[in-house]
Amino acid sequence: MTFNWGIIGTGGIAKAFARDLDFVEDQRVLAVGSRGVDRAQIFADDLKIERSYPSYEELVSDPDIDAVYVATPHPEHLRSTLLALDAGKPVLCEKPFAISAAEATTMIERARSKKLMLMEAMWARFLPHMHQIRSVLAAGAIGEVVTVEADHGQWFPDDPKFRLFAPELGGGALLDLGIYPISFAHMVLGTPKTITARSEKAQTGVDATTSAIFQYESGAQAILSTTLRAATPCRAVITGTTGRIEIDRTFYAPTSYRVVLRDGGTVEHANDYQGHGLREEAIEFARCVRAGLLESPTLPLSETLQIMQSLDEIRKQIGLSYPFETNKS
């Protein structure tokens, strides 16, 4: 049977998700919901989606929708996810999963109380090359991991109205771009023992450039950086005692990588992937729902919460807060 998605939000990531599902035979976007009938209808017309709704409430009430993909701005993730869960819909929520670990806890507890599937849409985790890299690590091919290095930087015009510079939209490099190297470090090394972070702010007060060092019980370190001010290489390297894994640009998207051993041997892994790659998280999500699972073993909710806790600690150290958080208190 076809797995029917409903999408909350009509931004770029929602459009990319819908288009990538064209590669999946047994899944489709059945409906889209927005706060305005025009945005929803334009989105539906552009992507040939059957149903459009002028409110999120109407979308989650559609009985034919099997799951909801939340693609709203970061500050809306909590409300949108709870809305869908309370309507009895499993939820795939965009990253960062929430604004804070406290919000993430609320979302997780609600999903568990409703016995509904919930997963963070960290699409990189489900890509073929990431599955392969985890297998390489598990086999001990590069020995004990010593360092992880990853960066994600993009250049954006310094426009205070643009969402990445807007505090009211949860802007800044950390949550939007830095989530990729931070999640990657968690995938490879787990939860850090200590975090040291430094940052430079944009004119609007959000972080423009942030770097962090994660220290682990094993003695390993992860060196991570993100910025809104420059297009960085967007590569990642995992170095172990007997070799390293070099992941080419863009490391969190379908790409090539190589395993380079200390004795000089190198094994190249080319990239022959077709499409954006967002469909892999949808495939995993539908598999879990059909199997009666409440979370994915590839990215369990406990790990999503640990990632949010790391983000909270970095935000604390660099003094990154948002006006809507102050308003809540």
C-alpha atoms as a PDB file:
ATOM      1  CA  MET A   1       0.000   0.000   0.000  1.00  0.00           C
ATOM      2  CA  THR A   2       1.093   3.553  -0.691  1.00  0.00           C
ATOM      3  CA  PHE A   3       2.406   5.447   2.325  1.00  0.00           C
ATOM      4  CA  ASN A   4       0.752   8.884   2.319  1.00  0.00           C
ATOM      5  CA  TRP A   5       2.592  11.890   3.691  1.00  0.00           C
ATOM      6  CA  GLY A   6       1.191  15.195   4.836  1.00  0.00           C
ATOM      7  CA  ILE A   7       3.641  18.092   4.917  1.00  0.00           C
ATOM      8  CA  ILE A   8       3.435  20.994   7.369  1.00  0.00           C
ATOM      9  CA  GLY A   9       5.310  23.913   5.838  1.00  0.00           C
ATOM     10  CA  THR A  10       6.033  25.038   2.295  1.00  0.00           C
ATOM     11  CA  GLY A  11       9.708  26.071   2.382  1.00  0.00           C
ATOM     12  CA  GLY A  12      12.666  24.818   0.389  1.00  0.00           C
ATOM     13  CA  ILE A  13      13.283  21.676   2.443  1.00  0.00           C
ATOM     14  CA  ALA A  14       9.623  20.678   2.120  1.00  0.00           C
ATOM     15  CA  LYS A  15       9.836  21.035  -1.638  1.00  0.00           C
ATOM     16  CA  ALA A  16      13.063  19.017  -1.807  1.00  0.00           C
ATOM     17  CA  PHE A  17      11.510  16.254   0.322  1.00  0.00           C
ATOM     18  CA  ALA A  18       8.429  16.038  -1.899  1.00  0.00           C
ATOM     19  CA  ARG A  19      10.487  15.915  -5.085  1.00  0.00           C
ATOM     20  CA  ASP A  20      12.811  13.238  -3.764  1.00  0.00           C
ATOM     21  CA  LEU A  21       9.845  10.967  -3.027  1.00  0.00           C
ATOM     22  CA  ASP A  22       9.438  10.662  -6.813  1.00  0.00           C
ATOM     23  CA  PHE A  23      12.179   8.028  -6.547  1.00  0.00           C
ATOM     24  CA  VAL A  24      10.096   5.933  -4.103  1.00  0.00           C
ATOM     25  CA  GLU A  25       7.407   3.741  -5.655  1.00  0.00           C
ATOM     26  CA  ASP A  26       5.267   3.149  -2.582  1.00  0.00           C
ATOM     27  CA  GLN A  27       5.303   6.644  -1.043  1.00  0.00           C
ATOM     28  CA  ARG A  28       3.818   9.984  -2.006  1.00  0.00           C
ATOM     29  CA  VAL A  29       2.918  13.381  -0.596  1.00  0.00           C
ATOM     30  CA  LEU A  30      -0.863  13.361  -0.433  1.00  0.00           C
ATOM     31  CA  ALA A  31      -1.392  16.764   1.182  1.00  0.00           C
ATOM     32  CA  VAL A  32       0.322  19.969   2.239  1.00  0.00           C
ATOM     33  CA  GLY A  33      -0.743  22.443   4.886  1.00  0.00           C
ATOM     34  CA  SER A  34       0.184  26.078   5.345  1.00  0.00           C
ATOM     35  CA  ARG A  35      -1.088  29.068   7.298  1.00  0.00           C
ATOM     36  CA  GLY A  36      -2.456  30.573   4.119  1.00  0.00           C
ATOM     37  CA  VAL A  37      -4.511  28.991   1.367  1.00  0.00           C
ATOM     38  CA  ASP A  38      -2.425  30.654  -1.348  1.00  0.00           C
ATOM     39  CA  ARG A  39       0.922  29.219  -0.187  1.00  0.00           C
ATOM     40  CA  ALA A  40      -0.511  25.740   0.233  1.00  0.00           C
ATOM     41  CA  GLN A  41      -2.242  25.803  -3.143  1.00  0.00           C
ATOM     42  CA  ILE A  42       0.802  27.122  -5.002  1.00  0.00           C
ATOM     43  CA  PHE A  43       2.969  24.437  -3.399  1.00  0.00           C
ATOM     44  CA  ALA A  44       0.436  21.726  -4.264  1.00  0.00           C
ATOM     45  CA  ASP A  45       0.056  22.924  -7.848  1.00  0.00           C
ATOM     46  CA  ASP A  46       3.807  23.141  -8.383  1.00  0.00           C
ATOM     47  CA  LEU A  47       4.416  19.599  -7.136  1.00  0.00           C
ATOM     48  CA  LYS A  48       1.158  18.044  -8.333  1.00  0.00           C
ATOM     49  CA  ILE A  49       0.010  17.262  -4.795  1.00  0.00           C
ATOM     50  CA  GLU A  50      -3.605  16.165  -4.542  1.00  0.00           C
ATOM     51  CA  ARG A  51      -4.729  18.087  -1.448  1.00  0.00           C
ATOM     52  CA  SER A  52      -3.871  21.440   0.122  1.00  0.00           C
ATOM     53  CA  TYR A  53      -5.077  22.902   3.404  1.00  0.00           C
ATOM     54  CA  PRO A  54      -5.015  26.528   4.638  1.00  0.00           C
ATOM     55  CA  SER A  55      -4.203  25.423   8.185  1.00  0.00           C
ATOM     56  CA  TYR A  56      -2.102  22.831   9.958  1.00  0.00           C
ATOM     57  CA  GLU A  57      -5.131  21.705  11.937  1.00  0.00           C
ATOM     58  CA  GLU A  58      -6.988  20.712   8.782  1.00  0.00           C
ATOM     59  CA  LEU A  59      -3.973  18.852   7.455  1.00  0.00           C
ATOM     60  CA  VAL A  60      -3.464  16.658  10.525  1.00  0.00           C
ATOM     61  CA  SER A  61      -7.202  15.880  10.562  1.00  0.00           C
ATOM     62  CA  ASP A  62      -7.053  14.232   7.131  1.00  0.00           C
ATOM     63  CA  PRO A  63      -7.788  10.529   7.800  1.00  0.00           C
ATOM     64  CA  ASP A  64      -5.875   9.385   4.707  1.00  0.00           C
ATOM     65  CA  ILE A  65      -2.528  10.746   5.892  1.00  0.00           C
ATOM     66  CA  ASP A  66      -0.228   8.056   7.318  1.00  0.00           C
ATOM     67  CA  ALA A  67       2.428  10.406   8.722  1.00  0.00           C
ATOM     68  CA  VAL A  68       3.284  14.090   8.974  1.00  0.00           C
ATOM     69  CA  TYR A  69       6.563  15.660   7.915  1.00  0.00           C
ATOM     70  CA  VAL A  70       7.182  18.857   9.920  1.00  0.00           C
ATOM     71  CA  ALA A  71       9.152  21.338   7.794  1.00  0.00           C
ATOM     72  CA  THR A  72       8.358  24.587   9.578  1.00  0.00           C
ATOM     73  CA  PRO A  73      10.962  27.049  10.963  1.00  0.00           C
ATOM     74  CA  HIS A  74      12.769  25.798  14.088  1.00  0.00           C
ATOM     75  CA  PRO A  75      10.627  27.641  16.669  1.00  0.00           C
ATOM     76  CA  GLU A  76       7.492  25.961  15.253  1.00  0.00           C
ATOM     77  CA  HIS A  77       8.747  22.372  15.538  1.00  0.00           C
ATOM     78  CA  LEU A  78       7.366  21.835  19.023  1.00  0.00           C
ATOM     79  CA  ARG A  79       3.874  23.136  18.297  1.00  0.00           C
ATOM     80  CA  SER A  80       3.592  21.451  14.905  1.00  0.00           C
ATOM     81  CA  THR A  81       4.829  18.103  16.196  1.00  0.00           C
ATOM     82  CA  LEU A  82       2.493  18.097  19.190  1.00  0.00           C
ATOM     83  CA  LEU A  83      -0.412  19.093  16.942  1.00  0.00           C
ATOM     84  CA  ALA A  84       0.205  16.115  14.666  1.00  0.00           C
ATOM     85  CA  LEU A  85       0.822  13.673  17.508  1.00  0.00           C
ATOM     86  CA  ASP A  86      -2.367  14.761  19.269  1.00  0.00           C
ATOM     87  CA  ALA A  87      -4.200  14.050  16.012  1.00  0.00           C
ATOM     88  CA  GLY A  88      -2.823  10.509  16.050  1.00  0.00           C
ATOM     89  CA  LYS A  89      -0.216  10.998  13.321  1.00  0.00           C
ATOM     90  CA  PRO A  90       3.365   9.688  13.433  1.00  0.00           C
ATOM     91  CA  VAL A  91       5.849  12.539  12.907  1.00  0.00           C
ATOM     92  CA  LEU A  92       9.100  13.049  11.045  1.00  0.00           C
ATOM     93  CA  CYS A  93      10.386  16.395  12.334  1.00  0.00           C
ATOM     94  CA  GLU A  94      13.060  18.460  10.613  1.00  0.00           C
ATOM     95  CA  LYS A  95      16.376  19.122  12.266  1.00  0.00           C
ATOM     96  CA  PRO A  96      17.247  20.680  14.545  1.00  0.00           C
ATOM     97  CA  PHE A  97      14.589  18.591  16.239  1.00  0.00           C
ATOM     98  CA  ALA A  98      13.672  21.471  18.545  1.00  0.00           C
ATOM     99  CA  ILE A  99      15.036  24.709  19.936  1.00  0.00           C
ATOM    100  CA  SER A 100      16.144  23.085  23.185  1.00  0.00           C
ATOM    101  CA  ALA A 101      16.453  19.761  24.978  1.00  0.00           C
ATOM    102  CA  ALA A 102      13.458  20.747  27.096  1.00  0.00           C
ATOM    103  CA  GLU A 103      11.290  21.076  23.986  1.00  0.00           C
ATOM    104  CA  ALA A 104      12.673  17.812  22.616  1.00  0.00           C
ATOM    105  CA  THR A 105      11.780  16.054  25.870  1.00  0.00           C
ATOM    106  CA  THR A 106       8.204  17.303  25.619  1.00  0.00           C
ATOM    107  CA  MET A 107       7.924  16.019  22.059  1.00  0.00           C
ATOM    108  CA  ILE A 108       9.403  12.631  22.916  1.00  0.00           C
ATOM    109  CA  GLU A 109       7.212  12.164  25.965  1.00  0.00           C
ATOM    110  CA  ARG A 110       4.084  13.033  23.975  1.00  0.00           C
ATOM    111  CA  ALA A 111       4.969  10.554  21.216  1.00  0.00           C
ATOM    112  CA  ARG A 112       5.597   7.800  23.748  1.00  0.00           C
ATOM    113  CA  SER A 113       2.372   8.522  25.601  1.00  0.00           C
ATOM    114  CA  LYS A 114       0.476   8.333  22.307  1.00  0.00           C
ATOM    115  CA  LYS A 115       2.471   5.259  21.183  1.00  0.00           C
ATOM    116  CA  LEU A 116       3.328   6.961  17.908  1.00  0.00           C
ATOM    117  CA  MET A 117       6.471   6.905  15.778  1.00  0.00           C
ATOM    118  CA  LEU A 118       8.647  10.021  16.083  1.00  0.00           C
ATOM    119  CA  MET A 119      11.983  10.670  14.387  1.00  0.00           C
ATOM    120  CA  GLU A 120      14.331  13.559  13.732  1.00  0.00           C
ATOM    121  CA  ALA A 121      14.728  14.251  10.015  1.00  0.00           C
ATOM    122  CA  MET A 122      18.528  14.220  10.073  1.00  0.00           C
ATOM    123  CA  TRP A 123      18.617  12.897   6.538  1.00  0.00           C
ATOM    124  CA  ALA A 124      22.399  12.454   6.473  1.00  0.00           C
ATOM    125  CA  ARG A 125      22.167   9.541   8.912  1.00  0.00           C
ATOM    126  CA  PHE A 126      20.216   7.433   6.432  1.00  0.00           C
ATOM    127  CA  LEU A 127      22.318   7.959   3.303  1.00  0.00           C
ATOM    128  CA  PRO A 128      24.133   4.962   1.787  1.00  0.00           C
ATOM    129  CA  HIS A 129      27.634   6.318   2.386  1.00  0.00           C
ATOM    130  CA  MET A 130      26.854   6.965   6.056  1.00  0.00           C
ATOM    131  CA  HIS A 131      25.642   3.376   6.474  1.00  0.00           C
ATOM    132  CA  GLN A 132      28.886   2.204   4.834  1.00  0.00           C
ATOM    133  CA  ILE A 133      31.038   4.429   7.037  1.00  0.00           C
ATOM    134  CA  ARG A 134      29.395   3.070  10.176  1.00  0.00           C
ATOM    135  CA  SER A 135      30.177  -0.440   8.939  1.00  0.00           C
ATOM    136  CA  VAL A 136      33.831   0.513   8.307  1.00  0.00           C
ATOM    137  CA  LEU A 137      34.079   1.881  11.849  1.00  0.00           C
ATOM    138  CA  ALA A 138      32.347  -1.134  13.387  1.00  0.00           C
ATOM    139  CA  ALA A 139      34.773  -3.462  11.602  1.00  0.00           C
ATOM    140  CA  GLY A 140      37.713  -1.613  13.167  1.00  0.00           C
ATOM    141  CA  ALA A 141      39.216  -0.842   9.768  1.00  0.00           C
ATOM    142  CA  ILE A 142      40.856   2.381  10.965  1.00  0.00           C
ATOM    143  CA  GLY A 143      41.513   1.289  14.530  1.00  0.00           C
ATOM    144  CA  GLU A 144      40.471   3.374  17.515  1.00  0.00           C
ATOM    145  CA  VAL A 145      39.061   6.770  16.564  1.00  0.00           C
ATOM    146  CA  VAL A 146      41.325   9.619  17.695  1.00  0.00           C
ATOM    147  CA  THR A 147      39.816  12.691  16.018  1.00  0.00           C
ATOM    148  CA  VAL A 148      36.741  13.731  14.073  1.00  0.00           C
ATOM    149  CA  GLU A 149      36.840  16.924  12.013  1.00  0.00           C
ATOM    150  CA  ALA A 150      33.813  18.366  10.244  1.00  0.00           C
ATOM    151  CA  ASP A 151      32.734  21.781   9.022  1.00  0.00           C
ATOM    152  CA  HIS A 152      29.663  23.327   7.478  1.00  0.00           C
ATOM    153  CA  GLY A 153      29.830  26.911   6.285  1.00  0.00           C
ATOM    154  CA  GLN A 154      27.810  28.802   3.718  1.00  0.00           C
ATOM    155  CA  TRP A 155      27.945  32.431   2.647  1.00  0.00           C
ATOM    156  CA  PHE A 156      24.751  34.436   3.004  1.00  0.00           C
ATOM    157  CA  PRO A 157      24.168  38.147   2.374  1.00  0.00           C
ATOM    158  CA  ASP A 158      24.128  40.008   5.682  1.00  0.00           C
ATOM    159  CA  ASP A 159      20.379  40.628   5.592  1.00  0.00           C
ATOM    160  CA  PRO A 160      18.713  40.962   9.031  1.00  0.00           C
ATOM    161  CA  LYS A 161      15.382  39.907   7.510  1.00  0.00           C
ATOM    162  CA  PHE A 162      16.746  36.622   6.178  1.00  0.00           C
ATOM    163  CA  ARG A 163      15.732  33.692   8.402  1.00  0.00           C
ATOM    164  CA  LEU A 164      19.286  32.641   9.300  1.00  0.00           C
ATOM    165  CA  PHE A 165      19.987  36.109  10.686  1.00  0.00           C
ATOM    166  CA  ALA A 166      16.578  36.521  12.351  1.00  0.00           C
ATOM    167  CA  PRO A 167      16.527  35.820  16.122  1.00  0.00           C
ATOM    168  CA  GLU A 168      12.741  35.473  16.079  1.00  0.00           C
ATOM    169  CA  LEU A 169      13.110  32.514  13.689  1.00  0.00           C
ATOM    170  CA  GLY A 170      15.803  30.749  15.689  1.00  0.00           C
ATOM    171  CA  GLY A 171      18.491  31.970  13.311  1.00  0.00           C
ATOM    172  CA  GLY A 172      22.240  31.620  13.450  1.00  0.00           C
ATOM    173  CA  ALA A 173      24.797  29.184  12.135  1.00  0.00           C
ATOM    174  CA  LEU A 174      24.617  26.719  15.011  1.00  0.00           C
ATOM    175  CA  LEU A 175      21.085  25.325  14.770  1.00  0.00           C
ATOM    176  CA  ASP A 176      20.729  25.526  10.993  1.00  0.00           C
ATOM    177  CA  LEU A 177      24.200  24.556   9.747  1.00  0.00           C
ATOM    178  CA  GLY A 178      26.151  23.408  12.787  1.00  0.00           C
ATOM    179  CA  ILE A 179      23.631  20.665  13.471  1.00  0.00           C
ATOM    180  CA  TYR A 180      25.264  18.627  10.668  1.00  0.00           C
ATOM    181  CA  PRO A 181      28.826  18.368  12.043  1.00  0.00           C
ATOM    182  CA  ILE A 182      27.494  18.054  15.606  1.00  0.00           C
ATOM    183  CA  SER A 183      25.175  15.185  14.701  1.00  0.00           C
ATOM    184  CA  PHE A 184      28.020  13.592  12.732  1.00  0.00           C
ATOM    185  CA  ALA A 185      30.316  13.686  15.781  1.00  0.00           C
ATOM    186  CA  HIS A 186      27.579  12.082  17.872  1.00  0.00           C
ATOM    187  CA  MET A 187      27.190   9.352  15.248  1.00  0.00           C
ATOM    188  CA  VAL A 188      30.901   8.514  15.314  1.00  0.00           C
ATOM    189  CA  LEU A 189      31.852   9.057  18.961  1.00  0.00           C
ATOM    190  CA  GLY A 190      28.638   9.377  20.932  1.00  0.00           C
ATOM    191  CA  THR A 191      27.975  11.885  23.701  1.00  0.00           C
ATOM    192  CA  PRO A 192      30.986  14.034  24.646  1.00  0.00           C
ATOM    193  CA  LYS A 193      32.338  14.256  28.191  1.00  0.00           C
ATOM    194  CA  THR A 194      33.012  17.985  27.879  1.00  0.00           C
ATOM    195  CA  ILE A 195      32.367  20.706  25.314  1.00  0.00           C
ATOM    196  CA  THR A 196      34.335  23.889  24.710  1.00  0.00           C
ATOM    197  CA  ALA A 197      32.742  26.413  22.344  1.00  0.00           C
ATOM    198  CA  ARG A 198      33.582  29.863  20.986  1.00  0.00           C
ATOM    199  CA  SER A 199      31.597  32.132  18.695  1.00  0.00           C
ATOM    200  CA  GLU A 200      31.375  35.462  16.885  1.00  0.00           C
ATOM    201  CA  LYS A 201      27.977  37.108  16.543  1.00  0.00           C
ATOM    202  CA  ALA A 202      26.231  38.629  13.556  1.00  0.00           C
ATOM    203  CA  GLN A 203      24.805  42.151  13.796  1.00  0.00           C
ATOM    204  CA  THR A 204      21.409  40.731  14.789  1.00  0.00           C
ATOM    205  CA  GLY A 205      22.845  38.892  17.796  1.00  0.00           C
ATOM    206  CA  VAL A 206      22.671  35.353  16.447  1.00  0.00           C
ATOM    207  CA  ASP A 207      25.886  33.390  16.011  1.00  0.00           C
ATOM    208  CA  ALA A 208      27.646  33.983  12.703  1.00  0.00           C
ATOM    209  CA  THR A 209      30.616  31.673  13.276  1.00  0.00           C
ATOM    210  CA  THR A 210      30.835  28.989  15.955  1.00  0.00           C
ATOM    211  CA  SER A 211      33.461  26.356  16.693  1.00  0.00           C
ATOM    212  CA  ALA A 212      33.418  23.607  19.286  1.00  0.00           C
ATOM    213  CA  ILE A 213      35.725  20.918  20.610  1.00  0.00           C
ATOM    214  CA  PHE A 214      34.074  17.782  21.955  1.00  0.00           C
ATOM    215  CA  GLN A 215      36.200  15.778  24.386  1.00  0.00           C
ATOM    216  CA  TYR A 216      35.419  12.092  25.016  1.00  0.00           C
ATOM    217  CA  GLU A 217      36.157   9.612  27.777  1.00  0.00           C
ATOM    218  CA  SER A 218      38.339   7.637  25.357  1.00  0.00           C
ATOM    219  CA  GLY A 219      40.592  10.662  24.840  1.00  0.00           C
ATOM    220  CA  ALA A 220      39.212  11.276  21.351  1.00  0.00           C
ATOM    221  CA  GLN A 221      38.280  14.767  20.234  1.00  0.00           C
ATOM    222  CA  ALA A 222      35.872  16.184  17.658  1.00  0.00           C
ATOM    223  CA  ILE A 223      36.751  19.560  16.137  1.00  0.00           C
ATOM    224  CA  LEU A 224      33.641  21.133  14.642  1.00  0.00           C
ATOM    225  CA  SER A 225      32.926  24.474  12.983  1.00  0.00           C
ATOM    226  CA  THR A 226      30.104  26.317  11.280  1.00  0.00           C
ATOM    227  CA  THR A 227      29.630  29.767   9.779  1.00  0.00           C
ATOM    228  CA  LEU A 228      27.218  31.975   7.849  1.00  0.00           C
ATOM    229  CA  ARG A 229      30.050  34.141   6.522  1.00  0.00           C
ATOM    230  CA  ALA A 230      31.944  31.856   4.133  1.00  0.00           C
ATOM    231  CA  ALA A 231      31.596  28.785   1.938  1.00  0.00           C
ATOM    232  CA  THR A 232      33.808  26.281   3.757  1.00  0.00           C
ATOM    233  CA  PRO A 233      34.955  22.935   2.313  1.00  0.00           C
ATOM    234  CA  CYS A 234      32.069  21.058   4.031  1.00  0.00           C
ATOM    235  CA  ARG A 235      34.172  17.943   4.385  1.00  0.00           C
ATOM    236  CA  ALA A 236      34.712  15.500   7.234  1.00  0.00           C
ATOM    237  CA  VAL A 237      37.597  13.289   8.333  1.00  0.00           C
ATOM    238  CA  ILE A 238      37.551  10.478  10.883  1.00  0.00           C
ATOM    239  CA  THR A 239      41.099   9.597  11.924  1.00  0.00           C
ATOM    240  CA  GLY A 240      41.955   6.422  13.768  1.00  0.00           C
ATOM    241  CA  THR A 241      45.089   4.723  15.020  1.00  0.00           C
ATOM    242  CA  THR A 242      45.526   2.671  11.812  1.00  0.00           C
ATOM    243  CA  GLY A 243      43.918   4.872   9.146  1.00  0.00           C
ATOM    244  CA  ARG A 244      41.335   7.495   8.321  1.00  0.00           C
ATOM    245  CA  ILE A 245      38.072   8.023   6.449  1.00  0.00           C
ATOM    246  CA  GLU A 246      37.976  11.118   4.234  1.00  0.00           C
ATOM    247  CA  ILE A 247      34.472  12.244   3.227  1.00  0.00           C
ATOM    248  CA  ASP A 248      34.330  14.658   0.310  1.00  0.00           C
ATOM    249  CA  ARG A 249      32.170  17.746  -0.131  1.00  0.00           C
ATOM    250  CA  THR A 250      29.369  17.833   0.895  1.00  0.00           C
ATOM    251  CA  PHE A 251      29.916  15.281   3.666  1.00  0.00           C
ATOM    252  CA  TYR A 252      26.292  15.174   4.895  1.00  0.00           C
ATOM    253  CA  ALA A 253      24.849  14.759   1.371  1.00  0.00           C
ATOM    254  CA  PRO A 254      25.383  11.929  -1.122  1.00  0.00           C
ATOM    255  CA  THR A 255      29.112  12.069  -1.878  1.00  0.00           C
ATOM    256  CA  SER A 256      32.286  10.052  -2.343  1.00  0.00           C
ATOM    257  CA  TYR A 257      34.691   8.979   0.374  1.00  0.00           C
ATOM    258  CA  ARG A 258      37.850   6.948   0.821  1.00  0.00           C
ATOM    259  CA  VAL A 259      39.490   4.797   3.451  1.00  0.00           C
ATOM    260  CA  VAL A 260      43.196   5.590   3.735  1.00  0.00           C
ATOM    261  CA  LEU A 261      45.248   3.144   5.804  1.00  0.00           C
ATOM    262  CA  ARG A 262      48.406   4.018   7.703  1.00  0.00           C
ATOM    263  CA  ASP A 263      50.447   1.673   5.499  1.00  0.00           C
ATOM    264  CA  GLY A 264      49.441   3.654   2.410  1.00  0.00           C
ATOM    265  CA  GLY A 265      46.599   1.523   1.114  1.00  0.00           C
ATOM    266  CA  THR A 266      43.564   3.433  -0.149  1.00  0.00           C
ATOM    267  CA  VAL A 267      40.072   2.263  -1.076  1.00  0.00           C
ATOM    268  CA  GLU A 268      37.947   4.753  -3.026  1.00  0.00           C
ATOM    269  CA  HIS A 269      34.147   4.788  -2.801  1.00  0.00           C
ATOM    270  CA  ALA A 270      32.579   6.744  -5.663  1.00  0.00           C
ATOM    271  CA  ASN A 271      29.270   8.575  -5.492  1.00  0.00           C
ATOM    272  CA  ASP A 272      26.685   7.241  -7.930  1.00  0.00           C
ATOM    273  CA  TYR A 273      23.580   8.298  -5.997  1.00  0.00           C
ATOM    274  CA  GLN A 274      20.672   9.801  -7.910  1.00  0.00           C
ATOM    275  CA  GLY A 275      18.498  12.511  -6.394  1.00  0.00           C
ATOM    276  CA  HIS A 276      18.751  14.703  -3.314  1.00  0.00           C
ATOM    277  CA  GLY A 277      18.812  11.968  -0.674  1.00  0.00           C
ATOM    278  CA  LEU A 278      15.931  13.076   1.540  1.00  0.00           C
ATOM    279  CA  ARG A 279      13.947  10.002   0.551  1.00  0.00           C
ATOM    280  CA  GLU A 280      16.174   7.727   2.614  1.00  0.00           C
ATOM    281  CA  GLU A 281      14.791   9.099   5.884  1.00  0.00           C
ATOM    282  CA  ALA A 282      11.265   8.695   4.507  1.00  0.00           C
ATOM    283  CA  ILE A 283      11.978   5.071   3.573  1.00  0.00           C
ATOM    284  CA  GLU A 284      13.307   4.347   7.063  1.00  0.00           C
ATOM    285  CA  PHE A 285      10.393   6.146   8.701  1.00  0.00           C
ATOM    286  CA  ALA A 286       7.771   4.219   6.731  1.00  0.00           C
ATOM    287  CA  ARG A 287       9.602   0.964   7.442  1.00  0.00           C
ATOM    288  CA  CYS A 288       9.450   1.669  11.165  1.00  0.00           C
ATOM    289  CA  VAL A 289       5.760   2.611  11.085  1.00  0.00           C
ATOM    290  CA  ARG A 290       4.867  -0.507   9.130  1.00  0.00           C
ATOM    291  CA  ALA A 291       6.892  -2.627  11.569  1.00  0.00           C
ATOM    292  CA  GLY A 292       5.107  -1.099  14.551  1.00  0.00           C
ATOM    293  CA  LEU A 293       8.241   0.636  15.857  1.00  0.00           C
ATOM    294  CA  LEU A 294       8.054   3.906  17.798  1.00  0.00           C
ATOM    295  CA  GLU A 295      11.557   5.087  16.905  1.00  0.00           C
ATOM    296  CA  SER A 296      14.333   4.272  14.457  1.00  0.00           C
ATOM    297  CA  PRO A 297      17.289   2.134  15.583  1.00  0.00           C
ATOM    298  CA  THR A 298      19.448   4.185  13.210  1.00  0.00           C
ATOM    299  CA  LEU A 299      18.660   7.432  15.038  1.00  0.00           C
ATOM    300  CA  PRO A 300      16.883   6.660  18.317  1.00  0.00           C
ATOM    301  CA  LEU A 301      15.158   9.412  20.254  1.00  0.00           C
ATOM    302  CA  SER A 302      17.684   9.091  23.078  1.00  0.00           C
ATOM    303  CA  GLU A 303      20.428  10.162  20.677  1.00  0.00           C
ATOM    304  CA  THR A 304      18.356  13.027  19.289  1.00  0.00           C
ATOM    305  CA  LEU A 305      17.927  14.248  22.871  1.00  0.00           C
ATOM    306  CA  GLN A 306      21.672  13.960  23.531  1.00  0.00           C
ATOM    307  CA  ILE A 307      22.360  16.039  20.416  1.00  0.00           C
ATOM    308  CA  MET A 308      19.929  18.694  21.648  1.00  0.00           C
ATOM    309  CA  GLN A 309      21.725  18.702  25.007  1.00  0.00           C
ATOM    310  CA  SER A 310      25.032  19.335  23.212  1.00  0.00           C
ATOM    311  CA  LEU A 311      23.435  22.217  21.322  1.00  0.00           C
ATOM    312  CA  ASP A 312      22.104  23.604  24.615  1.00  0.00           C
ATOM    313  CA  GLU A 313      25.581  23.522  26.144  1.00  0.00           C
ATOM    314  CA  ILE A 314      27.118  25.299  23.154  1.00  0.00           C
ATOM    315  CA  ARG A 315      24.378  27.926  23.230  1.00  0.00           C
ATOM    316  CA  LYS A 316      24.998  28.462  26.934  1.00  0.00           C
ATOM    317  CA  GLN A 317      28.730  28.934  26.412  1.00  0.00           C
ATOM    318  CA  ILE A 318      28.365  31.361  23.499  1.00  0.00           C
ATOM    319  CA  GLY A 319      25.407  33.273  24.950  1.00  0.00           C
ATOM    320  CA  LEU A 320      22.947  32.445  22.181  1.00  0.00           C
ATOM    321  CA  SER A 321      19.324  32.990  23.173  1.00  0.00           C
ATOM    322  CA  TYR A 322      16.142  33.910  21.334  1.00  0.00           C
ATOM    323  CA  PRO A 323      13.412  36.477  22.097  1.00  0.00           C
ATOM    324  CA  PHE A 324      10.624  33.896  22.103  1.00  0.00           C
ATOM    325  CA  GLU A 325      12.408  31.986  24.892  1.00  0.00           C
ATOM    326  CA  THR A 326      12.415  35.142  27.035  1.00  0.00           C
ATOM    327  CA  ASN A 327       8.765  35.693  26.264  1.00  0.00           C
ATOM    328  CA  LYS A 328       7.930  32.146  27.430  1.00  0.00           C
ATOM    329  CA  SER A 329       9.592  32.723  30.788  1.00  0.00           C
END
